PDB file of N, CA and C in Angstrom:
ATOM      1  N   MET A   1     -16.563  36.430 -14.369  1.00  0.00           N
ATOM      2  CA  MET A   1     -15.286  36.172 -13.827  1.00  0.00           C
ATOM      3  C   MET A   1     -15.281  34.722 -13.243  1.00  0.00           C
ATOM      4  N   PRO A   2     -14.268  33.900 -13.612  1.00  0.00           N
ATOM      5  CA  PRO A   2     -14.370  32.505 -13.128  1.00  0.00           C
ATOM      6  C   PRO A   2     -14.191  32.408 -11.638  1.00  0.00           C
ATOM      7  N   LYS A   3     -14.855  31.429 -11.068  1.00  0.00           N
ATOM      8  CA  LYS A   3     -14.913  31.225  -9.585  1.00  0.00           C
ATOM      9  C   LYS A   3     -13.499  30.581  -9.205  1.00  0.00           C
ATOM     10  N   MET A   4     -12.762  31.179  -8.306  1.00  0.00           N
ATOM     11  CA  MET A   4     -11.503  30.615  -7.767  1.00  0.00           C
ATOM     12  C   MET A   4     -11.806  29.409  -6.838  1.00  0.00           C
ATOM     13  N   GLU A   5     -10.918  28.377  -7.039  1.00  0.00           N
ATOM     14  CA  GLU A   5     -11.069  27.279  -6.149  1.00  0.00           C
ATOM     15  C   GLU A   5     -10.608  27.580  -4.805  1.00  0.00           C
ATOM     16  N   GLU A   6     -11.361  27.116  -3.779  1.00  0.00           N
ATOM     17  CA  GLU A   6     -10.938  27.351  -2.443  1.00  0.00           C
ATOM     18  C   GLU A   6      -9.915  26.313  -1.997  1.00  0.00           C
ATOM     19  N   LYS A   7      -8.781  26.780  -1.600  1.00  0.00           N
ATOM     20  CA  LYS A   7      -7.672  25.874  -1.165  1.00  0.00           C
ATOM     21  C   LYS A   7      -8.034  25.200   0.187  1.00  0.00           C
ATOM     22  N   GLU A   8      -7.809  24.018   0.304  1.00  0.00           N
ATOM     23  CA  GLU A   8      -8.048  23.335   1.590  1.00  0.00           C
ATOM     24  C   GLU A   8      -6.931  23.624   2.550  1.00  0.00           C
ATOM     25  N   THR A   9      -7.284  24.085   3.767  1.00  0.00           N
ATOM     26  CA  THR A   9      -6.256  24.338   4.792  1.00  0.00           C
ATOM     27  C   THR A   9      -6.502  23.314   5.854  1.00  0.00           C
ATOM     28  N   PRO A  10      -5.573  23.203   6.740  1.00  0.00           N
ATOM     29  CA  PRO A  10      -5.759  22.221   7.851  1.00  0.00           C
ATOM     30  C   PRO A  10      -6.919  22.490   8.700  1.00  0.00           C
ATOM     31  N   CYS A  11      -7.394  23.719   8.735  1.00  0.00           N
ATOM     32  CA  CYS A  11      -8.513  24.003   9.625  1.00  0.00           C
ATOM     33  C   CYS A  11      -9.857  23.869   8.826  1.00  0.00           C
ATOM     34  N   SER A  12      -9.833  23.518   7.545  1.00  0.00           N
ATOM     35  CA  SER A  12     -11.053  23.397   6.794  1.00  0.00           C
ATOM     36  C   SER A  12     -11.335  21.952   6.304  1.00  0.00           C
ATOM     37  N   TRP A  13     -10.698  20.940   7.022  1.00  0.00           N
ATOM     38  CA  TRP A  13     -10.977  19.592   6.622  1.00  0.00           C
ATOM     39  C   TRP A  13     -12.337  19.238   6.674  1.00  0.00           C
ATOM     40  N   SER A  14     -12.896  19.303   7.839  1.00  0.00           N
ATOM     41  CA  SER A  14     -14.259  18.990   8.106  1.00  0.00           C
ATOM     42  C   SER A  14     -14.819  19.900   9.209  1.00  0.00           C
ATOM     43  N   LYS A  15     -15.564  20.775   8.848  1.00  0.00           N
ATOM     44  CA  LYS A  15     -15.989  21.798   9.853  1.00  0.00           C
ATOM     45  C   LYS A  15     -16.587  21.170  11.115  1.00  0.00           C
ATOM     46  N   ARG A  16     -17.281  20.003  10.974  1.00  0.00           N
ATOM     47  CA  ARG A  16     -17.903  19.485  12.124  1.00  0.00           C
ATOM     48  C   ARG A  16     -16.999  18.594  13.053  1.00  0.00           C
ATOM     49  N   SER A  17     -16.025  18.018  12.415  1.00  0.00           N
ATOM     50  CA  SER A  17     -15.249  17.026  13.219  1.00  0.00           C
ATOM     51  C   SER A  17     -13.790  17.522  13.610  1.00  0.00           C
ATOM     52  N   GLN A  18     -13.259  18.413  12.800  1.00  0.00           N
ATOM     53  CA  GLN A  18     -11.866  18.844  13.124  1.00  0.00           C
ATOM     54  C   GLN A  18     -11.854  20.406  13.150  1.00  0.00           C
ATOM     55  N   SER A  19     -10.920  20.833  13.931  1.00  0.00           N
ATOM     56  CA  SER A  19     -10.833  22.400  13.998  1.00  0.00           C
ATOM     57  C   SER A  19      -9.344  22.685  14.187  1.00  0.00           C
ATOM     58  N   CYS A  20      -9.091  23.967  14.033  1.00  0.00           N
ATOM     59  CA  CYS A  20      -7.733  24.429  14.264  1.00  0.00           C
ATOM     60  C   CYS A  20      -7.137  23.951  15.580  1.00  0.00           C
ATOM     61  N   GLU A  21      -7.995  24.012  16.602  1.00  0.00           N
ATOM     62  CA  GLU A  21      -7.548  23.603  17.891  1.00  0.00           C
ATOM     63  C   GLU A  21      -7.124  22.093  17.938  1.00  0.00           C
ATOM     64  N   SER A  22      -7.938  21.224  17.306  1.00  0.00           N
ATOM     65  CA  SER A  22      -7.522  19.833  17.342  1.00  0.00           C
ATOM     66  C   SER A  22      -6.258  19.590  16.485  1.00  0.00           C
ATOM     67  N   THR A  23      -6.094  20.373  15.332  1.00  0.00           N
ATOM     68  CA  THR A  23      -4.900  20.259  14.521  1.00  0.00           C
ATOM     69  C   THR A  23      -3.645  20.621  15.427  1.00  0.00           C
ATOM     70  N   GLU A  24      -3.817  21.730  16.126  1.00  0.00           N
ATOM     71  CA  GLU A  24      -2.748  22.167  17.024  1.00  0.00           C
ATOM     72  C   GLU A  24      -2.445  21.042  18.116  1.00  0.00           C
ATOM     73  N   ASN A  25      -3.513  20.471  18.637  1.00  0.00           N
ATOM     74  CA  ASN A  25      -3.313  19.380  19.741  1.00  0.00           C
ATOM     75  C   ASN A  25      -2.634  18.209  19.096  1.00  0.00           C
ATOM     76  N   TYR A  26      -2.941  17.834  17.887  1.00  0.00           N
ATOM     77  CA  TYR A  26      -2.209  16.700  17.297  1.00  0.00           C
ATOM     78  C   TYR A  26      -0.702  17.083  17.066  1.00  0.00           C
ATOM     79  N   LEU A  27      -0.475  18.184  16.516  1.00  0.00           N
ATOM     80  CA  LEU A  27       0.937  18.631  16.300  1.00  0.00           C
ATOM     81  C   LEU A  27       1.684  18.708  17.607  1.00  0.00           C
ATOM     82  N   LYS A  28       1.150  19.293  18.650  1.00  0.00           N
ATOM     83  CA  LYS A  28       1.728  19.363  20.000  1.00  0.00           C
ATOM     84  C   LYS A  28       2.098  18.066  20.531  1.00  0.00           C
ATOM     85  N   ALA A  29       1.097  17.091  20.375  1.00  0.00           N
ATOM     86  CA  ALA A  29       1.235  15.766  20.952  1.00  0.00           C
ATOM     87  C   ALA A  29       2.441  15.099  20.169  1.00  0.00           C
ATOM     88  N   ILE A  30       2.545  15.212  18.878  1.00  0.00           N
ATOM     89  CA  ILE A  30       3.556  14.640  18.079  1.00  0.00           C
ATOM     90  C   ILE A  30       4.959  15.213  18.503  1.00  0.00           C
ATOM     91  N   LEU A  31       5.015  16.503  18.747  1.00  0.00           N
ATOM     92  CA  LEU A  31       6.231  17.174  19.143  1.00  0.00           C
ATOM     93  C   LEU A  31       6.688  16.627  20.614  1.00  0.00           C
ATOM     94  N   GLU A  32       5.667  16.477  21.434  1.00  0.00           N
ATOM     95  CA  GLU A  32       6.014  16.112  22.894  1.00  0.00           C
ATOM     96  C   GLU A  32       6.434  14.627  22.876  1.00  0.00           C
ATOM     97  N   ILE A  33       5.746  13.757  22.064  1.00  0.00           N
ATOM     98  CA  ILE A  33       6.206  12.358  22.022  1.00  0.00           C
ATOM     99  C   ILE A  33       7.543  12.255  21.409  1.00  0.00           C
ATOM    100  N   ARG A  34       7.804  12.982  20.298  1.00  0.00           N
ATOM    101  CA  ARG A  34       9.049  12.866  19.615  1.00  0.00           C
ATOM    102  C   ARG A  34      10.245  13.473  20.501  1.00  0.00           C
ATOM    103  N   SER A  35       9.957  14.385  21.378  1.00  0.00           N
ATOM    104  CA  SER A  35      11.028  14.924  22.203  1.00  0.00           C
ATOM    105  C   SER A  35      11.457  13.955  23.282  1.00  0.00           C
ATOM    106  N   SER A  36      10.546  13.042  23.659  1.00  0.00           N
ATOM    107  CA  SER A  36      10.903  12.048  24.718  1.00  0.00           C
ATOM    108  C   SER A  36      11.215  10.686  24.099  1.00  0.00           C
ATOM    109  N   HIS A  37      10.830  10.374  22.907  1.00  0.00           N
ATOM    110  CA  HIS A  37      11.062   9.064  22.269  1.00  0.00           C
ATOM    111  C   HIS A  37      11.751   9.377  20.957  1.00  0.00           C
ATOM    112  N   SER A  38      12.265   8.241  20.368  1.00  0.00           N
ATOM    113  CA  SER A  38      12.905   8.417  19.012  1.00  0.00           C
ATOM    114  C   SER A  38      11.892   8.272  17.913  1.00  0.00           C
ATOM    115  N   ARG A  39      10.686   7.800  18.283  1.00  0.00           N
ATOM    116  CA  ARG A  39       9.663   7.658  17.324  1.00  0.00           C
ATOM    117  C   ARG A  39       8.318   8.116  17.892  1.00  0.00           C
ATOM    118  N   CYS A  40       7.351   8.213  17.017  1.00  0.00           N
ATOM    119  CA  CYS A  40       6.007   8.728  17.320  1.00  0.00           C
ATOM    120  C   CYS A  40       5.040   7.830  16.518  1.00  0.00           C
ATOM    121  N   ARG A  41       4.435   6.815  17.189  1.00  0.00           N
ATOM    122  CA  ARG A  41       3.496   5.959  16.577  1.00  0.00           C
ATOM    123  C   ARG A  41       2.125   6.407  16.782  1.00  0.00           C
ATOM    124  N   ASN A  42       1.229   5.880  15.912  1.00  0.00           N
ATOM    125  CA  ASN A  42      -0.202   6.189  16.180  1.00  0.00           C
ATOM    126  C   ASN A  42      -0.729   5.851  17.527  1.00  0.00           C
ATOM    127  N   VAL A  43      -0.270   4.688  18.000  1.00  0.00           N
ATOM    128  CA  VAL A  43      -0.654   4.289  19.312  1.00  0.00           C
ATOM    129  C   VAL A  43      -0.196   5.203  20.382  1.00  0.00           C
ATOM    130  N   ASP A  44       1.044   5.790  20.242  1.00  0.00           N
ATOM    131  CA  ASP A  44       1.568   6.765  21.133  1.00  0.00           C
ATOM    132  C   ASP A  44       0.673   8.067  21.259  1.00  0.00           C
ATOM    133  N   ILE A  45       0.263   8.486  20.062  1.00  0.00           N
ATOM    134  CA  ILE A  45      -0.641   9.652  19.937  1.00  0.00           C
ATOM    135  C   ILE A  45      -1.979   9.315  20.582  1.00  0.00           C
ATOM    136  N   SER A  46      -2.451   8.171  20.235  1.00  0.00           N
ATOM    137  CA  SER A  46      -3.750   7.680  20.784  1.00  0.00           C
ATOM    138  C   SER A  46      -3.768   7.744  22.308  1.00  0.00           C
ATOM    139  N   ARG A  47      -2.758   7.267  22.921  1.00  0.00           N
ATOM    140  CA  ARG A  47      -2.658   7.209  24.381  1.00  0.00           C
ATOM    141  C   ARG A  47      -2.402   8.613  24.930  1.00  0.00           C
ATOM    142  N   HIS A  48      -1.579   9.422  24.257  1.00  0.00           N
ATOM    143  CA  HIS A  48      -1.331  10.771  24.737  1.00  0.00           C
ATOM    144  C   HIS A  48      -2.547  11.681  24.777  1.00  0.00           C
ATOM    145  N   LEU A  49      -3.403  11.554  23.716  1.00  0.00           N
ATOM    146  CA  LEU A  49      -4.566  12.343  23.543  1.00  0.00           C
ATOM    147  C   LEU A  49      -5.811  11.718  24.076  1.00  0.00           C
ATOM    148  N   ASN A  50      -5.723  10.357  24.456  1.00  0.00           N
ATOM    149  CA  ASN A  50      -6.901   9.588  24.829  1.00  0.00           C
ATOM    150  C   ASN A  50      -7.953   9.585  23.813  1.00  0.00           C
ATOM    151  N   PHE A  51      -7.535   9.262  22.471  1.00  0.00           N
ATOM    152  CA  PHE A  51      -8.358   9.139  21.363  1.00  0.00           C
ATOM    153  C   PHE A  51      -8.256   7.713  20.885  1.00  0.00           C
ATOM    154  N   SER A  52      -9.146   7.287  20.148  1.00  0.00           N
ATOM    155  CA  SER A  52      -9.089   5.829  19.530  1.00  0.00           C
ATOM    156  C   SER A  52      -7.998   5.928  18.445  1.00  0.00           C
ATOM    157  N   ARG A  53      -7.376   4.697  18.214  1.00  0.00           N
ATOM    158  CA  ARG A  53      -6.353   4.653  17.154  1.00  0.00           C
ATOM    159  C   ARG A  53      -6.897   4.931  15.815  1.00  0.00           C
ATOM    160  N   ALA A  54      -8.153   4.521  15.622  1.00  0.00           N
ATOM    161  CA  ALA A  54      -8.832   4.807  14.324  1.00  0.00           C
ATOM    162  C   ALA A  54      -8.944   6.294  14.033  1.00  0.00           C
ATOM    163  N   SER A  55      -9.306   7.000  15.101  1.00  0.00           N
ATOM    164  CA  SER A  55      -9.495   8.494  14.990  1.00  0.00           C
ATOM    165  C   SER A  55      -8.101   9.060  14.664  1.00  0.00           C
ATOM    166  N   VAL A  56      -7.071   8.649  15.366  1.00  0.00           N
ATOM    167  CA  VAL A  56      -5.736   9.243  15.129  1.00  0.00           C
ATOM    168  C   VAL A  56      -5.260   8.863  13.838  1.00  0.00           C
ATOM    169  N   SER A  57      -5.505   7.702  13.311  1.00  0.00           N
ATOM    170  CA  SER A  57      -5.124   7.355  11.864  1.00  0.00           C
ATOM    171  C   SER A  57      -5.766   8.260  10.836  1.00  0.00           C
ATOM    172  N   LYS A  58      -7.131   8.467  11.030  1.00  0.00           N
ATOM    173  CA  LYS A  58      -7.841   9.358  10.070  1.00  0.00           C
ATOM    174  C   LYS A  58      -7.294  10.798  10.172  1.00  0.00           C
ATOM    175  N   ALA A  59      -6.986  11.289  11.326  1.00  0.00           N
ATOM    176  CA  ALA A  59      -6.456  12.652  11.530  1.00  0.00           C
ATOM    177  C   ALA A  59      -5.070  12.815  10.865  1.00  0.00           C
ATOM    178  N   LEU A  60      -4.251  11.743  11.044  1.00  0.00           N
ATOM    179  CA  LEU A  60      -2.907  11.745  10.524  1.00  0.00           C
ATOM    180  C   LEU A  60      -2.902  11.883   8.962  1.00  0.00           C
ATOM    181  N   VAL A  61      -3.849  11.066   8.380  1.00  0.00           N
ATOM    182  CA  VAL A  61      -3.994  11.074   6.923  1.00  0.00           C
ATOM    183  C   VAL A  61      -4.311  12.490   6.463  1.00  0.00           C
ATOM    184  N   LYS A  62      -5.264  13.178   7.172  1.00  0.00           N
ATOM    185  CA  LYS A  62      -5.652  14.566   6.779  1.00  0.00           C
ATOM    186  C   LYS A  62      -4.533  15.555   7.028  1.00  0.00           C
ATOM    187  N   LEU A  63      -3.750  15.347   8.208  1.00  0.00           N
ATOM    188  CA  LEU A  63      -2.546  16.202   8.399  1.00  0.00           C
ATOM    189  C   LEU A  63      -1.539  16.034   7.319  1.00  0.00           C
ATOM    190  N   SER A  64      -1.377  14.738   6.949  1.00  0.00           N
ATOM    191  CA  SER A  64      -0.452  14.543   5.829  1.00  0.00           C
ATOM    192  C   SER A  64      -0.811  15.156   4.522  1.00  0.00           C
ATOM    193  N   LYS A  65      -2.097  15.001   4.188  1.00  0.00           N
ATOM    194  CA  LYS A  65      -2.539  15.628   2.895  1.00  0.00           C
ATOM    195  C   LYS A  65      -2.413  17.225   2.943  1.00  0.00           C
ATOM    196  N   ALA A  66      -2.462  17.735   4.190  1.00  0.00           N
ATOM    197  CA  ALA A  66      -2.330  19.134   4.324  1.00  0.00           C
ATOM    198  C   ALA A  66      -0.822  19.584   4.338  1.00  0.00           C
ATOM    199  N   GLY A  67       0.059  18.611   4.344  1.00  0.00           N
ATOM    200  CA  GLY A  67       1.543  18.837   4.347  1.00  0.00           C
ATOM    201  C   GLY A  67       2.064  19.165   5.738  1.00  0.00           C
ATOM    202  N   LEU A  68       1.336  18.812   6.745  1.00  0.00           N
ATOM    203  CA  LEU A  68       1.772  19.171   8.143  1.00  0.00           C
ATOM    204  C   LEU A  68       2.611  18.075   8.755  1.00  0.00           C
ATOM    205  N   VAL A  69       2.329  16.786   8.403  1.00  0.00           N
ATOM    206  CA  VAL A  69       3.131  15.690   8.884  1.00  0.00           C
ATOM    207  C   VAL A  69       3.466  14.694   7.762  1.00  0.00           C
ATOM    208  N   LYS A  70       4.488  13.902   8.130  1.00  0.00           N
ATOM    209  CA  LYS A  70       4.947  12.827   7.096  1.00  0.00           C
ATOM    210  C   LYS A  70       4.689  11.495   7.754  1.00  0.00           C
ATOM    211  N   ILE A  71       3.976  10.664   7.127  1.00  0.00           N
ATOM    212  CA  ILE A  71       3.687   9.328   7.658  1.00  0.00           C
ATOM    213  C   ILE A  71       4.692   8.358   7.046  1.00  0.00           C
ATOM    214  N   ALA A  72       5.361   7.614   7.953  1.00  0.00           N
ATOM    215  CA  ALA A  72       6.326   6.660   7.566  1.00  0.00           C
ATOM    216  C   ALA A  72       5.856   5.246   7.974  1.00  0.00           C
ATOM    217  N   GLU A  73       5.826   4.342   7.053  1.00  0.00           N
ATOM    218  CA  GLU A  73       5.519   2.989   7.333  1.00  0.00           C
ATOM    219  C   GLU A  73       6.836   2.194   7.537  1.00  0.00           C
ATOM    220  N   HIS A  74       6.869   1.451   8.543  1.00  0.00           N
ATOM    221  CA  HIS A  74       8.100   0.632   9.015  1.00  0.00           C
ATOM    222  C   HIS A  74       7.855  -0.863   8.787  1.00  0.00           C
ATOM    223  N   VAL A  75       8.764  -1.457   8.283  1.00  0.00           N
ATOM    224  CA  VAL A  75       8.704  -2.927   8.176  1.00  0.00           C
ATOM    225  C   VAL A  75       9.690  -3.493   9.242  1.00  0.00           C
ATOM    226  N   CYS A  76       9.139  -4.439  10.083  1.00  0.00           N
ATOM    227  CA  CYS A  76       9.953  -5.068  11.025  1.00  0.00           C
ATOM    228  C   CYS A  76      10.614  -6.281  10.407  1.00  0.00           C
ATOM    229  N   ALA A  77      11.866  -6.301  10.221  1.00  0.00           N
ATOM    230  CA  ALA A  77      12.590  -7.343   9.617  1.00  0.00           C
ATOM    231  C   ALA A  77      13.507  -8.071  10.486  1.00  0.00           C
ATOM    232  N   SER A  78      13.350  -9.411  10.473  1.00  0.00           N
ATOM    233  CA  SER A  78      14.176 -10.280  11.357  1.00  0.00           C
ATOM    234  C   SER A  78      14.988 -11.247  10.417  1.00  0.00           C
ATOM    235  N   PRO A  79      16.319 -11.452  10.706  1.00  0.00           N
ATOM    236  CA  PRO A  79      17.036 -12.367   9.887  1.00  0.00           C
ATOM    237  C   PRO A  79      16.613 -13.831  10.118  1.00  0.00           C
ATOM    238  N   LEU A  80      16.534 -14.534   8.947  1.00  0.00           N
ATOM    239  CA  LEU A  80      16.164 -15.957   8.954  1.00  0.00           C
ATOM    240  C   LEU A  80      17.335 -16.837   8.703  1.00  0.00           C
ATOM    241  N   LYS A  81      17.329 -18.134   8.945  1.00  0.00           N
ATOM    242  CA  LYS A  81      18.384 -18.954   8.532  1.00  0.00           C
ATOM    243  C   LYS A  81      18.435 -18.968   6.988  1.00  0.00           C
ATOM    244  N   GLY A  82      19.550 -18.866   6.469  1.00  0.00           N
ATOM    245  CA  GLY A  82      19.678 -18.795   5.016  1.00  0.00           C
ATOM    246  C   GLY A  82      19.785 -17.375   4.505  1.00  0.00           C
ATOM    247  N   GLY A  83      19.713 -16.473   5.399  1.00  0.00           N
ATOM    248  CA  GLY A  83      19.955 -15.014   4.958  1.00  0.00           C
ATOM    249  C   GLY A  83      18.702 -14.286   4.443  1.00  0.00           C
ATOM    250  N   GLY A  84      17.524 -14.919   4.465  1.00  0.00           N
ATOM    251  CA  GLY A  84      16.283 -14.304   4.062  1.00  0.00           C
ATOM    252  C   GLY A  84      15.783 -13.315   5.207  1.00  0.00           C
ATOM    253  N   LEU A  85      14.716 -12.642   4.860  1.00  0.00           N
ATOM    254  CA  LEU A  85      14.158 -11.672   5.835  1.00  0.00           C
ATOM    255  C   LEU A  85      12.685 -12.163   6.032  1.00  0.00           C
ATOM    256  N   LEU A  86      12.163 -12.035   7.275  1.00  0.00           N
ATOM    257  CA  LEU A  86      10.785 -12.315   7.589  1.00  0.00           C
ATOM    258  C   LEU A  86      10.137 -11.028   7.778  1.00  0.00           C
ATOM    259  N   ARG A  87       9.039 -10.711   7.181  1.00  0.00           N
ATOM    260  CA  ARG A  87       8.305  -9.442   7.443  1.00  0.00           C
ATOM    261  C   ARG A  87       7.087  -9.805   8.309  1.00  0.00           C
ATOM    262  N   SER A  88       6.954  -8.961   9.279  1.00  0.00           N
ATOM    263  CA  SER A  88       5.825  -9.194  10.176  1.00  0.00           C
ATOM    264  C   SER A  88       4.810  -8.132  10.165  1.00  0.00           C
TER     265      SER A  88
END
């Protein structure tokens, strides 16, 4: 009988570095931040959980791959003389 592939779940990312509890903590932090602000940035989560921004970024990528969060990249645009846009 062929071996079935084990599907990755949010709690099986990395047994040593992430757990179901940390997944829940990230999701709760996102909900709490979104309830009081119109946006939730990596730095907001980092401050809320007292984690480094790099750790938050890595965790968000994993949460995104697990289908638990959607990561949106924003471009800050400012009007320039002549009607062009400056991307920062």
